[in-house]
Amino acid sequence: MSDTTAAKPVVTITYCIGCNWLLRAGWMAQELLQTFKDDLGGVTLVPGEIGGVFEITLDDALLWERKRDGGFPDAKELKQRVRDIIEPTRDLGHLDRADAP
């Protein structure tokens, strides 16, 4: 692993194995990797214990917690939260428009 990759932030998605949320976690990982290509050091999927856990962290910052935040994030909200930490001035194009889904 190169030094430049090690310095990049890493997203971790912990999902409930009993709730079968692997596909949802994988889809969110794909969305983040597609949008932030070279700006992330990776996205890690972590199978969590039964109990409805679904947490997304960026390094040590908790971006989303299903119980705290009332469900699951949509792609727009998640990408904006990641952007706000790693590069706040970055334009996400159509996602930053008020009428974007």
N, C-alpha and C. Protein backbone atom coordinates (compact mmCIF):
# COMPACT_ATOMS: atom_id res chain seq x y z
N MET A 1 0.85 -1.18 0.00
CA MET A 1 0.00 0.00 0.00
C MET A 1 0.89 1.23 0.00
N SER A 2 0.60 2.18 -0.84
CA SER A 2 1.41 3.38 -0.92
C SER A 2 1.08 4.33 0.22
N ASP A 3 2.00 5.26 0.49
CA ASP A 3 1.79 6.23 1.56
C ASP A 3 0.61 7.13 1.27
N THR A 4 0.34 7.46 -0.01
CA THR A 4 -0.77 8.34 -0.33
C THR A 4 -2.10 7.66 -0.07
N THR A 5 -2.20 6.35 -0.27
CA THR A 5 -3.43 5.62 0.00
C THR A 5 -3.67 5.55 1.50
N ALA A 6 -2.61 5.33 2.28
CA ALA A 6 -2.75 5.20 3.73
C ALA A 6 -3.27 6.48 4.36
N ALA A 7 -2.97 7.62 3.78
CA ALA A 7 -3.39 8.89 4.34
C ALA A 7 -4.84 9.24 4.01
N LYS A 8 -5.44 8.54 3.08
CA LYS A 8 -6.81 8.84 2.67
C LYS A 8 -7.80 8.27 3.68
N PRO A 9 -8.93 8.96 3.87
CA PRO A 9 -9.93 8.49 4.82
C PRO A 9 -10.58 7.19 4.36
N VAL A 10 -11.02 6.41 5.33
CA VAL A 10 -11.66 5.13 5.05
C VAL A 10 -13.06 5.14 5.65
N VAL A 11 -14.02 4.71 4.86
CA VAL A 11 -15.40 4.57 5.31
C VAL A 11 -15.60 3.13 5.77
N THR A 12 -16.29 2.97 6.90
CA THR A 12 -16.64 1.64 7.40
C THR A 12 -18.15 1.58 7.53
N ILE A 13 -18.74 0.55 6.94
CA ILE A 13 -20.18 0.34 7.04
C ILE A 13 -20.39 -0.96 7.81
N THR A 14 -20.97 -0.83 9.00
CA THR A 14 -21.27 -1.99 9.83
C THR A 14 -22.77 -2.27 9.70
N TYR A 15 -23.11 -3.50 9.32
CA TYR A 15 -24.50 -3.85 9.03
C TYR A 15 -24.91 -5.09 9.80
N CYS A 16 -26.19 -5.19 10.09
CA CYS A 16 -26.75 -6.32 10.83
C CYS A 16 -26.84 -7.55 9.92
N ILE A 17 -26.20 -8.62 10.34
CA ILE A 17 -26.27 -9.84 9.53
C ILE A 17 -27.63 -10.52 9.64
N GLY A 18 -28.27 -10.37 10.77
CA GLY A 18 -29.59 -10.98 10.96
C GLY A 18 -30.67 -10.30 10.14
N CYS A 19 -30.46 -9.05 9.81
CA CYS A 19 -31.44 -8.28 9.04
C CYS A 19 -31.20 -8.37 7.53
N ASN A 20 -30.13 -9.06 7.14
CA ASN A 20 -29.77 -9.22 5.73
C ASN A 20 -29.53 -7.88 5.02
N TRP A 21 -28.78 -6.99 5.67
CA TRP A 21 -28.51 -5.68 5.10
C TRP A 21 -27.20 -5.60 4.33
N LEU A 22 -26.62 -6.75 3.98
CA LEU A 22 -25.38 -6.77 3.21
C LEU A 22 -25.55 -6.07 1.86
N LEU A 23 -26.63 -6.35 1.14
CA LEU A 23 -26.82 -5.74 -0.18
C LEU A 23 -26.94 -4.22 -0.07
N ARG A 24 -27.64 -3.74 0.95
CA ARG A 24 -27.78 -2.29 1.17
C ARG A 24 -26.41 -1.68 1.47
N ALA A 25 -25.64 -2.33 2.32
CA ALA A 25 -24.31 -1.84 2.66
C ALA A 25 -23.40 -1.84 1.42
N GLY A 26 -23.49 -2.90 0.63
CA GLY A 26 -22.69 -2.98 -0.59
C GLY A 26 -23.06 -1.92 -1.60
N TRP A 27 -24.33 -1.64 -1.73
CA TRP A 27 -24.79 -0.59 -2.65
C TRP A 27 -24.25 0.77 -2.21
N MET A 28 -24.32 1.04 -0.90
CA MET A 28 -23.82 2.33 -0.41
C MET A 28 -22.31 2.44 -0.61
N ALA A 29 -21.60 1.34 -0.41
CA ALA A 29 -20.16 1.34 -0.65
C ALA A 29 -19.87 1.65 -2.12
N GLN A 30 -20.62 1.03 -3.02
CA GLN A 30 -20.45 1.27 -4.45
C GLN A 30 -20.69 2.74 -4.80
N GLU A 31 -21.75 3.32 -4.25
CA GLU A 31 -22.07 4.73 -4.50
C GLU A 31 -20.93 5.63 -4.05
N LEU A 32 -20.38 5.37 -2.87
CA LEU A 32 -19.29 6.20 -2.35
C LEU A 32 -18.03 6.05 -3.18
N LEU A 33 -17.70 4.81 -3.55
CA LEU A 33 -16.50 4.58 -4.35
C LEU A 33 -16.61 5.19 -5.74
N GLN A 34 -17.80 5.16 -6.30
CA GLN A 34 -18.00 5.75 -7.63
C GLN A 34 -17.84 7.27 -7.57
N THR A 35 -18.38 7.90 -6.54
CA THR A 35 -18.35 9.36 -6.44
C THR A 35 -16.99 9.88 -6.00
N PHE A 36 -16.37 9.21 -5.04
CA PHE A 36 -15.13 9.73 -4.44
C PHE A 36 -13.88 8.98 -4.89
N LYS A 37 -13.96 8.29 -5.99
CA LYS A 37 -12.90 7.48 -6.61
C LYS A 37 -11.53 7.54 -5.90
N ASP A 38 -10.79 8.61 -6.14
CA ASP A 38 -9.42 8.72 -5.64
C ASP A 38 -9.31 9.41 -4.29
N ASP A 39 -10.43 9.82 -3.71
CA ASP A 39 -10.39 10.58 -2.47
C ASP A 39 -10.56 9.72 -1.22
N LEU A 40 -10.93 8.46 -1.40
CA LEU A 40 -11.09 7.55 -0.28
C LEU A 40 -10.01 6.48 -0.32
N GLY A 41 -9.58 6.06 0.86
CA GLY A 41 -8.63 4.96 0.96
C GLY A 41 -9.32 3.62 0.86
N GLY A 42 -10.65 3.64 0.91
CA GLY A 42 -11.41 2.40 0.78
C GLY A 42 -12.72 2.49 1.53
N VAL A 43 -13.55 1.48 1.30
CA VAL A 43 -14.79 1.30 2.04
C VAL A 43 -14.79 -0.13 2.54
N THR A 44 -14.95 -0.28 3.84
CA THR A 44 -14.92 -1.59 4.47
C THR A 44 -16.31 -1.97 4.95
N LEU A 45 -16.73 -3.18 4.61
CA LEU A 45 -18.02 -3.70 5.09
C LEU A 45 -17.74 -4.63 6.27
N VAL A 46 -18.45 -4.39 7.38
CA VAL A 46 -18.23 -5.16 8.59
C VAL A 46 -19.55 -5.80 9.02
N PRO A 47 -19.62 -7.14 9.02
CA PRO A 47 -20.84 -7.79 9.49
C PRO A 47 -20.99 -7.54 10.99
N GLY A 48 -22.16 -7.01 11.38
CA GLY A 48 -22.41 -6.71 12.78
C GLY A 48 -23.31 -7.75 13.42
N GLU A 49 -23.41 -7.66 14.70
CA GLU A 49 -24.26 -8.57 15.45
C GLU A 49 -25.73 -8.32 15.13
N ILE A 50 -26.53 -9.27 15.47
CA ILE A 50 -27.98 -9.13 15.31
C ILE A 50 -28.45 -8.00 16.23
N GLY A 51 -29.45 -7.26 15.80
CA GLY A 51 -29.97 -6.18 16.63
C GLY A 51 -30.23 -4.92 15.84
N GLY A 52 -30.13 -5.00 14.53
CA GLY A 52 -30.48 -3.87 13.70
C GLY A 52 -29.41 -2.82 13.53
N VAL A 53 -28.15 -3.18 13.77
CA VAL A 53 -27.08 -2.21 13.63
C VAL A 53 -26.87 -1.84 12.16
N PHE A 54 -26.74 -0.56 11.91
CA PHE A 54 -26.34 -0.07 10.60
C PHE A 54 -25.67 1.27 10.84
N GLU A 55 -24.34 1.26 10.85
CA GLU A 55 -23.56 2.44 11.14
C GLU A 55 -22.56 2.69 10.03
N ILE A 56 -22.37 3.97 9.73
CA ILE A 56 -21.39 4.37 8.73
C ILE A 56 -20.45 5.36 9.38
N THR A 57 -19.17 5.04 9.36
CA THR A 57 -18.17 5.94 9.92
C THR A 57 -17.15 6.32 8.85
N LEU A 58 -16.58 7.49 9.01
CA LEU A 58 -15.48 7.96 8.17
C LEU A 58 -14.33 8.18 9.12
N ASP A 59 -13.34 7.29 9.06
CA ASP A 59 -12.30 7.21 10.07
C ASP A 59 -13.00 7.10 11.43
N ASP A 60 -12.85 8.06 12.32
CA ASP A 60 -13.47 7.96 13.64
C ASP A 60 -14.78 8.73 13.77
N ALA A 61 -15.22 9.40 12.71
CA ALA A 61 -16.44 10.20 12.76
C ALA A 61 -17.66 9.36 12.39
N LEU A 62 -18.66 9.34 13.26
CA LEU A 62 -19.90 8.62 12.98
C LEU A 62 -20.75 9.48 12.06
N LEU A 63 -20.92 9.01 10.81
CA LEU A 63 -21.71 9.75 9.83
C LEU A 63 -23.19 9.42 9.92
N TRP A 64 -23.49 8.16 10.18
CA TRP A 64 -24.88 7.73 10.16
C TRP A 64 -25.05 6.54 11.11
N GLU A 65 -26.13 6.58 11.87
CA GLU A 65 -26.48 5.46 12.72
C GLU A 65 -27.99 5.27 12.58
N ARG A 66 -28.39 4.12 12.11
CA ARG A 66 -29.78 3.87 11.74
C ARG A 66 -30.77 4.23 12.83
N LYS A 67 -30.52 3.83 14.04
CA LYS A 67 -31.46 4.11 15.14
C LYS A 67 -31.46 5.59 15.50
N ARG A 68 -30.30 6.19 15.58
CA ARG A 68 -30.19 7.61 15.92
C ARG A 68 -30.79 8.50 14.85
N ASP A 69 -30.51 8.16 13.58
CA ASP A 69 -30.88 9.03 12.46
C ASP A 69 -32.21 8.66 11.81
N GLY A 70 -32.89 7.67 12.33
CA GLY A 70 -34.23 7.35 11.85
C GLY A 70 -34.28 6.62 10.53
N GLY A 71 -33.54 5.54 10.40
CA GLY A 71 -33.58 4.75 9.18
C GLY A 71 -32.26 4.75 8.45
N PHE A 72 -32.34 4.63 7.15
CA PHE A 72 -31.14 4.55 6.31
C PHE A 72 -30.96 5.85 5.54
N PRO A 73 -29.71 6.20 5.28
CA PRO A 73 -29.49 7.40 4.47
C PRO A 73 -29.77 7.11 3.01
N ASP A 74 -30.21 8.13 2.28
CA ASP A 74 -30.24 7.95 0.83
C ASP A 74 -28.84 8.31 0.32
N ALA A 75 -28.56 7.99 -0.91
CA ALA A 75 -27.22 8.21 -1.47
C ALA A 75 -26.83 9.68 -1.40
N LYS A 76 -27.76 10.57 -1.68
CA LYS A 76 -27.47 12.00 -1.67
C LYS A 76 -26.99 12.45 -0.30
N GLU A 77 -27.74 12.12 0.74
CA GLU A 77 -27.39 12.52 2.11
C GLU A 77 -26.03 11.96 2.52
N LEU A 78 -25.80 10.70 2.22
CA LEU A 78 -24.54 10.06 2.59
C LEU A 78 -23.36 10.72 1.88
N LYS A 79 -23.49 10.95 0.60
CA LYS A 79 -22.41 11.58 -0.16
C LYS A 79 -22.13 12.99 0.34
N GLN A 80 -23.17 13.72 0.68
CA GLN A 80 -22.97 15.07 1.20
C GLN A 80 -22.25 15.04 2.54
N ARG A 81 -22.59 14.09 3.40
CA ARG A 81 -21.91 13.99 4.70
C ARG A 81 -20.45 13.62 4.54
N VAL A 82 -20.15 12.72 3.62
CA VAL A 82 -18.75 12.36 3.36
C VAL A 82 -18.01 13.57 2.80
N ARG A 83 -18.59 14.21 1.81
CA ARG A 83 -17.97 15.39 1.20
C ARG A 83 -17.70 16.48 2.23
N ASP A 84 -18.66 16.72 3.12
CA ASP A 84 -18.52 17.79 4.11
C ASP A 84 -17.32 17.58 5.02
N ILE A 85 -16.88 16.34 5.16
CA ILE A 85 -15.70 16.05 5.99
C ILE A 85 -14.42 16.05 5.17
N ILE A 86 -14.43 15.37 4.02
CA ILE A 86 -13.16 15.21 3.29
C ILE A 86 -12.81 16.37 2.37
N GLU A 87 -13.82 17.08 1.87
CA GLU A 87 -13.56 18.19 0.96
C GLU A 87 -14.80 19.10 0.90
N PRO A 88 -15.00 19.93 1.93
CA PRO A 88 -16.25 20.72 2.05
C PRO A 88 -16.57 21.62 0.86
N THR A 89 -15.58 22.06 0.11
CA THR A 89 -15.85 22.95 -1.01
C THR A 89 -16.15 22.21 -2.31
N ARG A 90 -16.07 20.90 -2.27
CA ARG A 90 -16.30 20.10 -3.48
C ARG A 90 -17.75 20.20 -3.94
N ASP A 91 -17.94 20.37 -5.24
CA ASP A 91 -19.27 20.42 -5.83
C ASP A 91 -19.67 19.00 -6.23
N LEU A 92 -20.81 18.55 -5.74
CA LEU A 92 -21.30 17.22 -6.10
C LEU A 92 -22.26 17.27 -7.29
N GLY A 93 -22.19 18.35 -8.03
CA GLY A 93 -23.02 18.47 -9.23
C GLY A 93 -24.49 18.46 -8.92
N HIS A 94 -25.23 17.61 -9.62
CA HIS A 94 -26.69 17.60 -9.47
C HIS A 94 -27.14 17.26 -8.05
N LEU A 95 -26.32 16.57 -7.26
CA LEU A 95 -26.71 16.24 -5.89
C LEU A 95 -26.81 17.46 -4.99
N ASP A 96 -26.12 18.52 -5.35
CA ASP A 96 -26.15 19.73 -4.54
C ASP A 96 -27.31 20.66 -4.89
N ARG A 97 -28.04 20.36 -5.92
CA ARG A 97 -29.20 21.17 -6.26
C ARG A 97 -30.35 20.82 -5.33
N ALA A 98 -31.15 21.80 -4.99
CA ALA A 98 -32.26 21.61 -4.04
C ALA A 98 -33.28 20.58 -4.52
N ASP A 99 -33.47 20.49 -5.83
CA ASP A 99 -34.50 19.58 -6.36
C ASP A 99 -33.97 18.20 -6.69
N ALA A 100 -32.72 17.91 -6.32
CA ALA A 100 -32.14 16.59 -6.63
C ALA A 100 -32.75 15.52 -5.73
N PRO A 101 -32.95 14.32 -6.27
CA PRO A 101 -33.51 13.23 -5.46
C PRO A 101 -32.54 12.75 -4.42
